[in-house]
Amino acid sequence: MDTVTKPRTPALTSRLPQVGTTIFTVMSALATEHRAVNLGQGFPDFGCDPALLDAVDAAMRAGHNQYPPMTGVPALREAMASKVEKLYGRRYDPNSEITVTAGATQAILTAILAIVHPGDEVVVLEPCYDSYVPNIELAGGTVVRVPLKPGSFRPDFDAIAAAITPRTRAILVNSPHNPSGMCWTDAEMRQLDDLLAPTDVLLISDEVYEHMVFDGQLHHSAARYPGLAARAFIVSSFGKTYHVTGWKVGTVLAPAPLMAEFRKVHQFNVFTVNTPMQHALAAYMANPAPYLDLPAFYQRKRDLFRDGLAGTRFKLLPGEGTYFQCVDISALAVPERDLPEADFCRWLTQEIGVAAIPLSAFYGNGFDQKVIRFCFAKKDETLGEALKRLSRL
């Protein structure tokens, strides 16, 4: 008698055994299920400038629909070089020091894969964006977690210095900072420069919120500091700047020797990035007003949201940059304030009708400090409805 072999899917040993569904996916699904106002995941609920869409249409109709150069459309790389030179005073060679990427998350992964060898240590400052740690682990590196100071989220240089060893390959720095909204000061960037100067530690500087710095302050890009720029991969995001997060287009700046290694990985990772979007962005960047006016645009939304929360028992943490506002829940007059942050956010979504993200999700050990994060990159009416619901607290 013939025997029938049942098809079998081979078992895998996971490269990322600790990774499950992200908190952003969980909270967004919960928000949809309970018809809550979603202030959890960080993306706008409003459209971009119609002129940018017109530029995409024009690029497509002009025939820019095939592969662009692996490094990115030359006009876009030149536009980025000009912008960075005007804003931060450093000229990057668009041919050898700028690469267009499929968003900032891909850029960070590619940088890590290019420089981190098995056994290398990489310092991350917690709380941190959720892709950093898995990226390091995929490269075979060892994650070294250094907490930012609780409450202020300012860098703790004694702790950073103690974490650097002969095995340290890189440090990841994010300013303006997601999730806290903290922005590094000029003095802090200089202190980082001094700390790294005698070492061969590389810097990955995540600056995707560079145009969301408030109250008249400047963004202190690593490009401003020659010592840091000489060892840095600087990551930027058109999606964040122009309200088109779904386009997934970003850039990386780095000295030519570092960029050469980055491009070796990039060409076998995504190879190239959406052609008509690149041409459209290059044309749109001829007018600097959209990014120069962005701080005022988001500061108005920040102030609207903060003023609306002022009548509640939420304790507002400083909101220096990004489009996130963190609040302390410990003084709320509801018993749920004593829940772990993640459980509180589920309760807030289900019962109050507003979704937020627990800061504990940004720590490897789930550190719980009774702080949650709201995203205010929303229409005024969206923020108004959220504030109306939150006023119960």
Protein backbone atom coordinates (compact mmCIF):
# COMPACT_ATOMS: atom_id res chain seq x y z
CA MET A 1 0.00 0.00 0.00
CA ASP A 2 1.27 3.44 -0.90
CA THR A 3 1.91 5.72 2.02
CA VAL A 4 1.10 9.40 1.78
CA THR A 5 3.61 11.75 3.36
CA LYS A 6 1.93 14.72 4.99
CA PRO A 7 3.49 18.04 3.91
CA ARG A 8 5.67 19.37 6.70
CA THR A 9 6.85 22.90 7.41
CA PRO A 10 10.34 22.73 8.90
CA ALA A 11 10.79 24.29 12.32
CA LEU A 12 12.91 27.41 12.63
CA THR A 13 15.18 28.68 15.33
CA SER A 14 14.15 32.33 15.59
CA ARG A 15 16.72 35.04 14.96
CA LEU A 16 14.61 37.28 17.21
CA PRO A 17 13.06 34.97 19.81
CA GLN A 18 12.03 37.81 22.14
CA VAL A 19 10.17 39.79 19.47
CA GLY A 20 6.41 39.60 19.21
CA THR A 21 3.72 41.97 18.00
CA THR A 22 4.73 45.56 18.72
CA ILE A 23 2.84 47.67 21.23
CA PHE A 24 1.99 50.09 18.41
CA THR A 25 0.16 47.40 16.46
CA VAL A 26 -1.59 46.17 19.60
CA MET A 27 -2.80 49.61 20.67
CA SER A 28 -3.86 50.64 17.17
CA ALA A 29 -5.92 47.46 16.81
CA LEU A 30 -7.46 48.05 20.24
CA ALA A 31 -8.26 51.65 19.27
CA THR A 32 -10.03 50.46 16.13
CA GLU A 33 -11.97 47.81 18.05
CA HIS A 34 -13.20 50.30 20.66
CA ARG A 35 -13.55 53.29 18.32
CA ALA A 36 -11.05 55.19 20.41
CA VAL A 37 -9.18 58.30 19.32
CA ASN A 38 -5.78 56.90 18.36
CA LEU A 39 -3.06 59.08 19.89
CA GLY A 40 -0.81 56.04 20.16
CA GLN A 41 1.07 55.32 16.94
CA GLY A 42 3.09 58.27 15.65
CA PHE A 43 1.65 59.36 12.34
CA PRO A 44 -0.49 62.32 11.19
CA ASP A 45 -4.18 61.93 10.43
CA PHE A 46 -4.03 64.86 7.98
CA GLY A 47 -2.73 65.09 4.45
CA CYS A 48 0.43 66.58 2.99
CA ASP A 49 0.75 69.70 0.86
CA PRO A 50 -1.15 69.13 -2.43
CA ALA A 51 1.84 70.66 -4.22
CA LEU A 52 3.90 67.66 -3.16
CA LEU A 53 1.30 65.29 -4.62
CA ASP A 54 1.33 67.33 -7.83
CA ALA A 55 5.11 66.92 -7.95
CA VAL A 56 4.74 63.13 -7.67
CA ASP A 57 2.19 63.11 -10.48
CA ALA A 58 4.47 65.25 -12.63
CA ALA A 59 7.41 62.93 -11.96
CA MET A 60 5.41 59.86 -12.90
CA ARG A 61 4.09 61.47 -16.09
CA ALA A 62 7.62 62.60 -16.97
CA GLY A 63 8.62 58.94 -17.05
CA HIS A 64 10.48 58.65 -13.76
CA ASN A 65 9.14 55.18 -13.06
CA GLN A 66 12.15 52.89 -13.47
CA TYR A 67 15.08 52.14 -11.17
CA PRO A 68 16.92 55.20 -9.94
CA PRO A 69 20.61 55.06 -9.06
CA MET A 70 21.30 52.81 -6.09
CA THR A 71 22.48 55.78 -4.03
CA GLY A 72 19.39 57.87 -4.80
CA VAL A 73 18.26 60.41 -7.40
CA PRO A 74 21.12 62.92 -7.84
CA ALA A 75 18.82 65.95 -7.57
CA LEU A 76 17.54 64.77 -4.19
CA ARG A 77 21.02 64.10 -2.85
CA GLU A 78 22.10 67.56 -3.99
CA ALA A 79 19.03 69.13 -2.37
CA MET A 80 19.87 67.41 0.92
CA ALA A 81 23.49 68.54 0.72
CA SER A 82 22.39 72.14 0.24
CA LYS A 83 19.85 72.00 3.05
CA VAL A 84 22.25 70.48 5.57
CA GLU A 85 24.98 72.99 4.67
CA LYS A 86 22.60 75.93 5.17
CA LEU A 87 21.14 74.62 8.43
CA TYR A 88 24.11 72.96 10.09
CA GLY A 89 27.20 74.38 8.39
CA ARG A 90 28.67 71.15 7.03
CA ARG A 91 28.90 70.26 3.35
CA TYR A 92 28.36 66.60 2.51
CA ASP A 93 29.38 65.39 -0.94
CA PRO A 94 26.13 64.26 -2.59
CA ASN A 95 28.03 61.70 -4.66
CA SER A 96 29.96 59.94 -1.91
CA GLU A 97 28.40 60.95 1.44
CA ILE A 98 24.59 60.92 1.01
CA THR A 99 22.35 57.91 0.33
CA VAL A 100 18.57 57.84 -0.06
CA THR A 101 16.94 55.06 1.97
CA ALA A 102 13.57 53.37 2.28
CA GLY A 103 12.78 55.32 5.43
CA ALA A 104 14.75 55.85 8.61
CA THR A 105 14.15 52.38 10.05
CA GLN A 106 15.85 50.77 7.05
CA ALA A 107 18.64 53.33 7.28
CA ILE A 108 19.38 52.45 10.90
CA LEU A 109 19.32 48.70 10.22
CA THR A 110 21.63 49.13 7.24
CA ALA A 111 24.09 51.24 9.23
CA ILE A 112 24.19 48.65 12.01
CA LEU A 113 24.64 45.73 9.60
CA ALA A 114 27.45 47.65 7.90
CA ILE A 115 29.51 48.31 11.04
CA VAL A 116 28.60 45.78 13.74
CA HIS A 117 30.37 42.41 13.81
CA PRO A 118 29.42 39.48 16.06
CA GLY A 119 30.49 40.27 19.60
CA ASP A 120 30.68 44.04 19.11
CA GLU A 121 28.89 46.10 21.74
CA VAL A 122 26.45 48.86 20.84
CA VAL A 123 25.23 51.36 23.43
CA VAL A 124 21.56 52.34 23.33
CA LEU A 125 20.01 55.00 25.56
CA GLU A 126 16.68 53.88 27.02
CA PRO A 127 13.83 54.49 26.52
CA CYS A 128 14.55 53.98 22.83
CA TYR A 129 12.78 53.38 19.53
CA ASP A 130 11.82 49.75 19.24
CA SER A 131 13.88 48.83 16.16
CA TYR A 132 17.29 49.57 17.66
CA VAL A 133 17.72 46.47 19.78
CA PRO A 134 16.49 43.89 17.21
CA ASN A 135 18.75 45.53 14.60
CA ILE A 136 21.80 45.06 16.81
CA GLU A 137 20.83 41.47 17.60
CA LEU A 138 20.39 40.65 13.90
CA ALA A 139 23.95 41.86 13.33
CA GLY A 140 25.22 39.59 16.10
CA GLY A 141 26.08 42.53 18.33
CA THR A 142 25.65 42.86 22.08
CA VAL A 143 23.19 45.48 23.28
CA VAL A 144 24.42 47.66 26.14
CA ARG A 145 21.49 49.52 27.68
CA VAL A 146 22.10 52.84 29.41
CA PRO A 147 19.05 54.58 30.89
CA LEU A 148 18.42 58.25 30.35
CA LYS A 149 17.73 60.05 33.63
CA PRO A 150 14.18 59.19 34.77
CA GLY A 151 11.82 62.15 34.67
CA SER A 152 14.01 64.48 32.60
CA PHE A 153 15.28 61.87 30.11
CA ARG A 154 18.55 63.78 29.86
CA PRO A 155 21.74 61.84 29.04
CA ASP A 156 23.70 60.50 31.98
CA PHE A 157 27.29 60.91 30.85
CA ASP A 158 28.78 59.09 33.81
CA ALA A 159 26.68 56.06 32.92
CA ILE A 160 27.50 56.37 29.22
CA ALA A 161 31.23 56.62 29.95
CA ALA A 162 31.04 53.57 32.21
CA ALA A 163 29.32 51.59 29.45
CA ILE A 164 32.04 52.20 26.85
CA THR A 165 34.61 49.41 26.66
CA PRO A 166 37.24 48.31 24.10
CA ARG A 167 34.47 46.21 22.52
CA THR A 168 32.11 49.18 21.97
CA ARG A 169 31.53 49.63 18.25
CA ALA A 170 28.84 52.32 18.24
CA ILE A 171 26.39 54.37 20.23
CA LEU A 172 22.86 55.22 19.10
CA VAL A 173 21.62 58.72 19.93
CA ASN A 174 18.15 60.07 19.13
CA SER A 175 17.37 63.81 19.28
CA PRO A 176 14.67 65.08 19.29
CA HIS A 177 13.92 61.99 21.33
CA ASN A 178 11.16 59.46 20.77
CA PRO A 179 9.35 58.77 23.09
CA SER A 180 10.11 61.57 25.57
CA GLY A 181 10.35 64.68 23.38
CA MET A 182 13.68 65.64 24.99
CA CYS A 183 16.18 67.50 22.79
CA TRP A 184 19.92 67.32 23.31
CA THR A 185 21.52 70.68 24.11
CA ASP A 186 24.63 72.13 22.53
CA ALA A 187 26.51 71.48 25.78
CA GLU A 188 25.40 67.82 25.79
CA MET A 189 26.47 67.31 22.18
CA ARG A 190 29.87 68.81 23.00
CA GLN A 191 30.16 66.55 26.01
CA LEU A 192 29.40 63.54 23.79
CA ASP A 193 32.04 64.77 21.34
CA ASP A 194 34.62 64.99 24.14
CA LEU A 195 33.67 61.54 25.45
CA LEU A 196 34.01 59.83 22.07
CA ALA A 197 37.05 61.78 20.82
CA PRO A 198 39.74 59.41 22.19
CA THR A 199 37.82 56.31 21.03
CA ASP A 200 36.97 54.57 17.76
CA VAL A 201 33.29 54.40 18.71
CA LEU A 202 30.96 55.22 15.83
CA LEU A 203 27.80 57.29 16.22
CA ILE A 204 24.40 56.59 14.71
CA SER A 205 22.46 59.84 15.14
CA ASP A 206 18.71 59.38 14.65
CA GLU A 207 17.46 62.87 13.77
CA VAL A 208 14.13 62.12 12.12
CA TYR A 209 12.33 64.80 14.17
CA GLU A 210 14.96 67.45 13.39
CA HIS A 211 12.36 70.00 12.25
CA MET A 212 10.18 69.62 15.36
CA VAL A 213 12.10 71.62 17.96
CA PHE A 214 10.08 74.19 19.88
CA ASP A 215 10.24 77.45 21.82
CA GLY A 216 12.82 79.02 19.53
CA GLN A 217 15.47 76.39 20.22
CA LEU A 218 17.82 74.98 17.58
CA HIS A 219 18.23 71.37 16.57
CA HIS A 220 21.80 70.41 17.42
CA SER A 221 22.57 67.97 14.64
CA ALA A 222 25.69 65.85 14.86
CA ALA A 223 26.59 67.52 11.57
CA ARG A 224 27.30 70.74 13.50
CA TYR A 225 30.20 69.17 15.42
CA PRO A 226 33.25 68.17 13.33
CA GLY A 227 34.36 65.52 15.81
CA LEU A 228 30.96 63.86 15.84
CA ALA A 229 30.32 64.28 12.11
CA ALA A 230 33.59 62.49 11.35
CA ARG A 231 32.29 59.30 13.04
CA ALA A 232 28.54 59.63 12.46
CA PHE A 233 25.79 58.16 10.34
CA ILE A 234 23.08 60.87 10.47
CA VAL A 235 19.57 59.64 9.71
CA SER A 236 16.75 61.89 8.46
CA SER A 237 13.16 61.29 7.36
CA PHE A 238 11.13 62.97 4.63
CA GLY A 239 8.07 61.11 5.92
CA LYS A 240 8.18 62.89 9.28
CA THR A 241 9.02 66.28 7.80
CA TYR A 242 6.43 66.37 5.02
CA HIS A 243 3.54 64.39 6.63
CA VAL A 244 4.01 61.37 4.34
CA THR A 245 5.13 58.61 6.70
CA GLY A 246 3.77 55.93 4.36
CA TRP A 247 6.17 56.92 1.59
CA LYS A 248 9.10 55.52 3.59
CA VAL A 249 11.83 57.75 2.17
CA GLY A 250 14.78 58.94 4.24
CA THR A 251 18.45 59.78 3.93
CA VAL A 252 21.75 58.96 5.59
CA LEU A 253 24.73 61.30 5.75
CA ALA A 254 28.20 59.97 6.59
CA PRO A 255 31.86 60.54 5.73
CA ALA A 256 32.83 58.80 2.48
CA PRO A 257 34.67 55.83 4.05
CA LEU A 258 31.68 55.06 6.29
CA MET A 259 29.21 55.62 3.48
CA ALA A 260 31.10 53.20 1.23
CA GLU A 261 30.46 50.42 3.73
CA PHE A 262 26.85 51.53 4.23
CA ARG A 263 26.22 51.32 0.49
CA LYS A 264 27.62 47.79 0.29
CA VAL A 265 24.79 46.65 2.56
CA HIS A 266 22.18 49.02 1.14
CA GLN A 267 22.57 47.69 -2.41
CA PHE A 268 21.72 44.17 -1.27
CA ASN A 269 19.08 45.27 1.23
CA VAL A 270 16.64 47.43 -0.76
CA PHE A 271 18.97 48.44 -3.63
CA THR A 272 16.89 51.47 -4.63
CA VAL A 273 14.03 53.63 -3.35
CA ASN A 274 10.77 54.79 -4.97
CA THR A 275 11.76 56.83 -8.02
CA PRO A 276 8.90 59.32 -8.56
CA MET A 277 8.78 60.17 -4.85
CA GLN A 278 12.47 61.02 -4.94
CA HIS A 279 12.06 63.32 -7.93
CA ALA A 280 9.03 64.95 -6.31
CA LEU A 281 10.85 65.54 -3.03
CA ALA A 282 13.82 67.06 -4.85
CA ALA A 283 11.55 69.51 -6.66
CA TYR A 284 9.55 70.30 -3.51
CA MET A 285 12.70 71.05 -1.50
CA ALA A 286 13.42 74.06 -3.71
CA ASN A 287 11.11 75.87 -1.29
CA PRO A 288 12.52 75.68 2.26
CA ALA A 289 9.36 77.09 3.88
CA PRO A 290 7.67 73.73 4.60
CA TYR A 291 10.49 72.51 6.84
CA LEU A 292 11.40 75.93 8.22
CA ASP A 293 7.77 76.51 9.24
CA LEU A 294 7.31 73.04 10.73
CA PRO A 295 8.39 73.93 14.29
CA ALA A 296 5.67 76.59 14.53
CA PHE A 297 3.11 74.25 12.97
CA TYR A 298 3.68 71.53 15.54
CA GLN A 299 4.27 73.87 18.47
CA ARG A 300 0.75 75.21 18.01
CA LYS A 301 -0.59 71.66 18.17
CA ARG A 302 1.60 70.88 21.17
CA ASP A 303 0.34 73.98 23.00
CA LEU A 304 -3.27 73.20 22.09
CA PHE A 305 -2.91 69.70 23.50
CA ARG A 306 -0.99 70.77 26.61
CA ASP A 307 -3.48 73.54 27.37
CA GLY A 308 -6.31 71.03 27.04
CA LEU A 309 -4.64 68.65 29.49
CA ALA A 310 -3.95 71.42 32.00
CA GLY A 311 -7.41 70.94 33.51
CA THR A 312 -6.79 67.25 34.19
CA ARG A 313 -4.67 65.47 36.78
CA PHE A 314 -2.18 64.35 34.17
CA LYS A 315 1.26 65.76 35.00
CA LEU A 316 2.78 67.18 31.83
CA LEU A 317 6.41 66.35 31.18
CA PRO A 318 8.51 68.81 29.15
CA GLY A 319 7.76 68.72 25.42
CA GLU A 320 10.84 70.19 23.78
CA GLY A 321 10.49 68.48 20.40
CA THR A 322 8.92 65.70 18.28
CA TYR A 323 5.14 65.35 18.02
CA PHE A 324 4.83 63.39 21.25
CA GLN A 325 3.70 64.50 24.68
CA CYS A 326 4.48 62.39 27.73
CA VAL A 327 2.40 62.58 30.90
CA ASP A 328 2.69 61.15 34.40
CA ILE A 329 -0.47 59.29 35.46
CA SER A 330 0.36 58.86 39.15
CA ALA A 331 -1.85 61.76 40.39
CA LEU A 332 -5.02 60.74 38.54
CA ALA A 333 -8.10 60.36 40.71
CA VAL A 334 -8.97 56.92 39.39
CA PRO A 335 -7.84 53.58 40.84
CA GLU A 336 -6.50 52.52 37.44
CA ARG A 337 -3.58 54.91 37.98
CA ASP A 338 -2.00 52.12 40.02
CA LEU A 339 -2.05 49.70 37.10
CA PRO A 340 1.14 49.00 35.16
CA GLU A 341 1.51 51.48 32.31
CA ALA A 342 0.56 48.94 29.63
CA ASP A 343 -2.60 47.88 31.48
CA PHE A 344 -3.50 51.52 32.09
CA CYS A 345 -3.20 52.26 28.36
CA ARG A 346 -5.52 49.35 27.57
CA TRP A 347 -8.01 50.64 30.13
CA LEU A 348 -7.69 54.18 28.74
CA THR A 349 -8.43 52.89 25.24
CA GLN A 350 -11.34 50.67 26.21
CA GLU A 351 -13.06 52.81 28.83
CA ILE A 352 -12.07 56.42 28.10
CA GLY A 353 -11.76 56.04 24.35
CA VAL A 354 -8.24 57.42 23.82
CA ALA A 355 -5.25 55.28 22.85
CA ALA A 356 -1.76 56.01 24.19
CA ILE A 357 1.54 54.14 24.42
CA PRO A 358 3.21 53.06 27.70
CA LEU A 359 6.80 54.23 28.09
CA SER A 360 7.64 50.85 29.58
CA ALA A 361 7.42 49.47 26.02
CA PHE A 362 10.60 51.40 25.18
CA TYR A 363 12.69 49.71 27.91
CA GLY A 364 14.21 46.27 27.71
CA ASN A 365 13.28 45.51 31.31
CA GLY A 366 9.81 47.09 31.06
CA PHE A 367 10.76 49.86 33.53
CA ASP A 368 7.51 51.36 34.76
CA GLN A 369 7.52 54.97 35.92
CA LYS A 370 3.81 55.79 35.50
CA VAL A 371 4.42 57.67 32.25
CA ILE A 372 2.55 57.29 28.95
CA ARG A 373 2.98 58.90 25.53
CA PHE A 374 0.41 60.69 23.38
CA CYS A 375 0.92 61.70 19.72
CA PHE A 376 -0.41 65.18 18.86
CA ALA A 377 0.26 65.00 15.10
CA LYS A 378 -3.48 65.08 14.54
CA LYS A 379 -6.17 67.36 13.18
CA ASP A 380 -7.40 69.95 15.66
CA GLU A 381 -10.78 68.24 15.76
CA THR A 382 -9.11 64.91 16.55
CA LEU A 383 -7.20 66.51 19.41
CA GLY A 384 -10.38 68.26 20.56
CA GLU A 385 -12.29 65.00 20.75
CA ALA A 386 -9.43 63.31 22.60
CA LEU A 387 -9.22 66.17 25.10
CA LYS A 388 -12.97 66.04 25.64
CA ARG A 389 -12.72 62.37 26.59
CA LEU A 390 -9.60 62.87 28.69
CA SER A 391 -11.25 65.71 30.60
CA ARG A 392 -13.02 63.02 32.64
CA LEU A 393 -9.67 62.37 34.29
